[in-house]
Amino acid sequence: MSLEMPAELAALIVDPAGYANSQQIYSAFAEIRRDYPLAKAKVEDFDPFWVASRHVDVKTIETRPDVFLNGAGVWIGVQKGPVSGAIGAQKGP
């Protein structure tokens, strides 16, 4: 198991267009859950971010604020370049 997921998987899960093809995105998340259940994602124009893809891991993270700090809410990273077509995308501080 690697602590960093492949760039093509990371790019797919942050691209709104990637969700238009259900089979492709479901296959990607199946691979992520199987091979990279807790991994760092590095995508061009985004700050690196962690992906927890299994329910048990997400539940553990949510119930352990003494160990896992998430600040004031959900954080998937900062897109550094122009935002185009992304729902809810925002620039960081």
C-alpha atoms as a PDB file:
ATOM      1  CA  MET A   1       0.000   0.000   0.000  1.00  0.00           C
ATOM      2  CA  SER A   2       1.311   3.424  -0.974  1.00  0.00           C
ATOM      3  CA  LEU A   3       0.809   6.638   0.947  1.00  0.00           C
ATOM      4  CA  GLU A   4       0.430   8.569  -2.300  1.00  0.00           C
ATOM      5  CA  MET A   5      -2.169   7.745  -4.917  1.00  0.00           C
ATOM      6  CA  PRO A   6      -1.288   7.848  -8.612  1.00  0.00           C
ATOM      7  CA  ALA A   7      -1.623  11.288 -10.177  1.00  0.00           C
ATOM      8  CA  GLU A   8      -4.262  10.133 -12.688  1.00  0.00           C
ATOM      9  CA  LEU A   9      -6.585   8.927  -9.904  1.00  0.00           C
ATOM     10  CA  ALA A  10      -6.076  12.101  -7.882  1.00  0.00           C
ATOM     11  CA  ALA A  11      -6.766  14.270 -10.950  1.00  0.00           C
ATOM     12  CA  LEU A  12      -9.933  12.327 -11.749  1.00  0.00           C
ATOM     13  CA  ILE A  13     -11.527  12.736  -8.322  1.00  0.00           C
ATOM     14  CA  VAL A  14     -11.088  16.534  -8.298  1.00  0.00           C
ATOM     15  CA  ASP A  15     -12.310  17.043 -11.867  1.00  0.00           C
ATOM     16  CA  PRO A  16     -16.079  17.665 -12.045  1.00  0.00           C
ATOM     17  CA  ALA A  17     -16.089  16.206 -15.581  1.00  0.00           C
ATOM     18  CA  GLY A  18     -14.797  12.922 -14.166  1.00  0.00           C
ATOM     19  CA  TYR A  19     -18.164  12.354 -12.490  1.00  0.00           C
ATOM     20  CA  ALA A  20     -20.041  12.414 -15.808  1.00  0.00           C
ATOM     21  CA  ASN A  21     -18.930   8.845 -16.513  1.00  0.00           C
ATOM     22  CA  SER A  22     -20.362   6.752 -13.667  1.00  0.00           C
ATOM     23  CA  GLN A  23     -18.460   3.594 -14.551  1.00  0.00           C
ATOM     24  CA  GLN A  24     -15.149   5.446 -14.689  1.00  0.00           C
ATOM     25  CA  ILE A  25     -15.557   7.239 -11.348  1.00  0.00           C
ATOM     26  CA  TYR A  26     -16.925   4.126  -9.572  1.00  0.00           C
ATOM     27  CA  SER A  27     -13.966   2.111 -10.871  1.00  0.00           C
ATOM     28  CA  ALA A  28     -11.572   4.827  -9.727  1.00  0.00           C
ATOM     29  CA  PHE A  29     -13.022   4.887  -6.210  1.00  0.00           C
ATOM     30  CA  ALA A  30     -12.987   1.067  -6.054  1.00  0.00           C
ATOM     31  CA  GLU A  31      -9.282   1.148  -6.915  1.00  0.00           C
ATOM     32  CA  ILE A  32      -8.652   3.910  -4.374  1.00  0.00           C
ATOM     33  CA  ARG A  33     -10.469   1.977  -1.618  1.00  0.00           C
ATOM     34  CA  ARG A  34      -8.605  -1.234  -2.512  1.00  0.00           C
ATOM     35  CA  ASP A  35      -5.081   0.080  -3.117  1.00  0.00           C
ATOM     36  CA  TYR A  36      -4.930   3.556  -1.544  1.00  0.00           C
ATOM     37  CA  PRO A  37      -7.477   3.622   1.312  1.00  0.00           C
ATOM     38  CA  LEU A  38      -5.686   6.454   3.113  1.00  0.00           C
ATOM     39  CA  ALA A  39      -3.430   8.322   0.735  1.00  0.00           C
ATOM     40  CA  LYS A  40      -2.102  11.736  -0.135  1.00  0.00           C
ATOM     41  CA  ALA A  41      -3.301  13.186  -3.428  1.00  0.00           C
ATOM     42  CA  LYS A  42      -1.175  15.607  -5.394  1.00  0.00           C
ATOM     43  CA  VAL A  43      -2.897  17.412  -8.250  1.00  0.00           C
ATOM     44  CA  GLU A  44      -1.543  20.294 -10.285  1.00  0.00           C
ATOM     45  CA  ASP A  45      -3.059  23.636  -9.178  1.00  0.00           C
ATOM     46  CA  PHE A  46      -4.157  22.181  -5.798  1.00  0.00           C
ATOM     47  CA  ASP A  47      -2.404  21.922  -2.478  1.00  0.00           C
ATOM     48  CA  PRO A  48      -1.724  18.254  -1.590  1.00  0.00           C
ATOM     49  CA  PHE A  49      -4.581  16.693   0.382  1.00  0.00           C
ATOM     50  CA  TRP A  50      -5.380  13.408   2.113  1.00  0.00           C
ATOM     51  CA  VAL A  51      -8.080  11.053   0.842  1.00  0.00           C
ATOM     52  CA  ALA A  52      -9.751   8.678   3.305  1.00  0.00           C
ATOM     53  CA  SER A  53     -11.905   6.423   1.148  1.00  0.00           C
ATOM     54  CA  ARG A  54     -13.170   3.670   3.455  1.00  0.00           C
ATOM     55  CA  HIS A  55     -16.130   4.226   5.759  1.00  0.00           C
ATOM     56  CA  VAL A  56     -14.347   2.828   8.813  1.00  0.00           C
ATOM     57  CA  ASP A  57     -11.428   5.234   8.308  1.00  0.00           C
ATOM     58  CA  VAL A  58     -13.692   8.251   7.781  1.00  0.00           C
ATOM     59  CA  LYS A  59     -15.670   7.356  10.903  1.00  0.00           C
ATOM     60  CA  THR A  60     -12.473   7.011  12.954  1.00  0.00           C
ATOM     61  CA  ILE A  61     -11.163  10.345  11.690  1.00  0.00           C
ATOM     62  CA  GLU A  62     -14.471  12.082  12.443  1.00  0.00           C
ATOM     63  CA  THR A  63     -14.566  10.773  16.002  1.00  0.00           C
ATOM     64  CA  ARG A  64     -10.935  11.583  16.883  1.00  0.00           C
ATOM     65  CA  PRO A  65     -10.542  15.389  16.821  1.00  0.00           C
ATOM     66  CA  ASP A  66      -7.722  14.991  19.344  1.00  0.00           C
ATOM     67  CA  VAL A  67      -5.675  13.235  16.632  1.00  0.00           C
ATOM     68  CA  PHE A  68      -7.082  14.508  13.326  1.00  0.00           C
ATOM     69  CA  LEU A  69      -7.391  18.256  12.912  1.00  0.00           C
ATOM     70  CA  ASN A  70      -9.591  19.559  10.122  1.00  0.00           C
ATOM     71  CA  GLY A  71      -9.964  23.195  11.091  1.00  0.00           C
ATOM     72  CA  ALA A  72     -13.320  24.847  10.584  1.00  0.00           C
ATOM     73  CA  GLY A  73     -14.808  22.337   8.143  1.00  0.00           C
ATOM     74  CA  VAL A  74     -14.297  20.057   5.192  1.00  0.00           C
ATOM     75  CA  TRP A  75     -11.097  20.833   3.341  1.00  0.00           C
ATOM     76  CA  ILE A  76     -10.122  19.332   0.014  1.00  0.00           C
ATOM     77  CA  GLY A  77      -7.382  21.764  -0.864  1.00  0.00           C
ATOM     78  CA  VAL A  78      -6.855  25.065  -2.532  1.00  0.00           C
ATOM     79  CA  GLN A  79      -7.088  25.366  -6.265  1.00  0.00           C
ATOM     80  CA  LYS A  80      -4.317  27.731  -7.217  1.00  0.00           C
ATOM     81  CA  GLY A  81      -5.292  28.299 -10.827  1.00  0.00           C
ATOM     82  CA  PRO A  82      -8.468  29.654 -12.380  1.00  0.00           C
ATOM     83  CA  VAL A  83     -11.689  27.949 -11.353  1.00  0.00           C
ATOM     84  CA  SER A  84     -13.730  26.820 -14.307  1.00  0.00           C
ATOM     85  CA  GLY A  85     -16.944  24.846 -14.134  1.00  0.00           C
ATOM     86  CA  ALA A  86     -16.323  23.499 -10.630  1.00  0.00           C
ATOM     87  CA  ILE A  87     -19.366  23.598  -8.374  1.00  0.00           C
ATOM     88  CA  GLY A  88     -18.467  24.944  -4.955  1.00  0.00           C
ATOM     89  CA  ALA A  89     -14.827  25.495  -5.890  1.00  0.00           C
ATOM     90  CA  GLN A  90     -13.154  28.324  -4.103  1.00  0.00           C
ATOM     91  CA  LYS A  91      -9.790  29.943  -3.895  1.00  0.00           C
ATOM     92  CA  GLY A  92      -7.940  29.626  -0.625  1.00  0.00           C
ATOM     93  CA  PRO A  93      -6.842  32.492   1.580  1.00  0.00           C
END
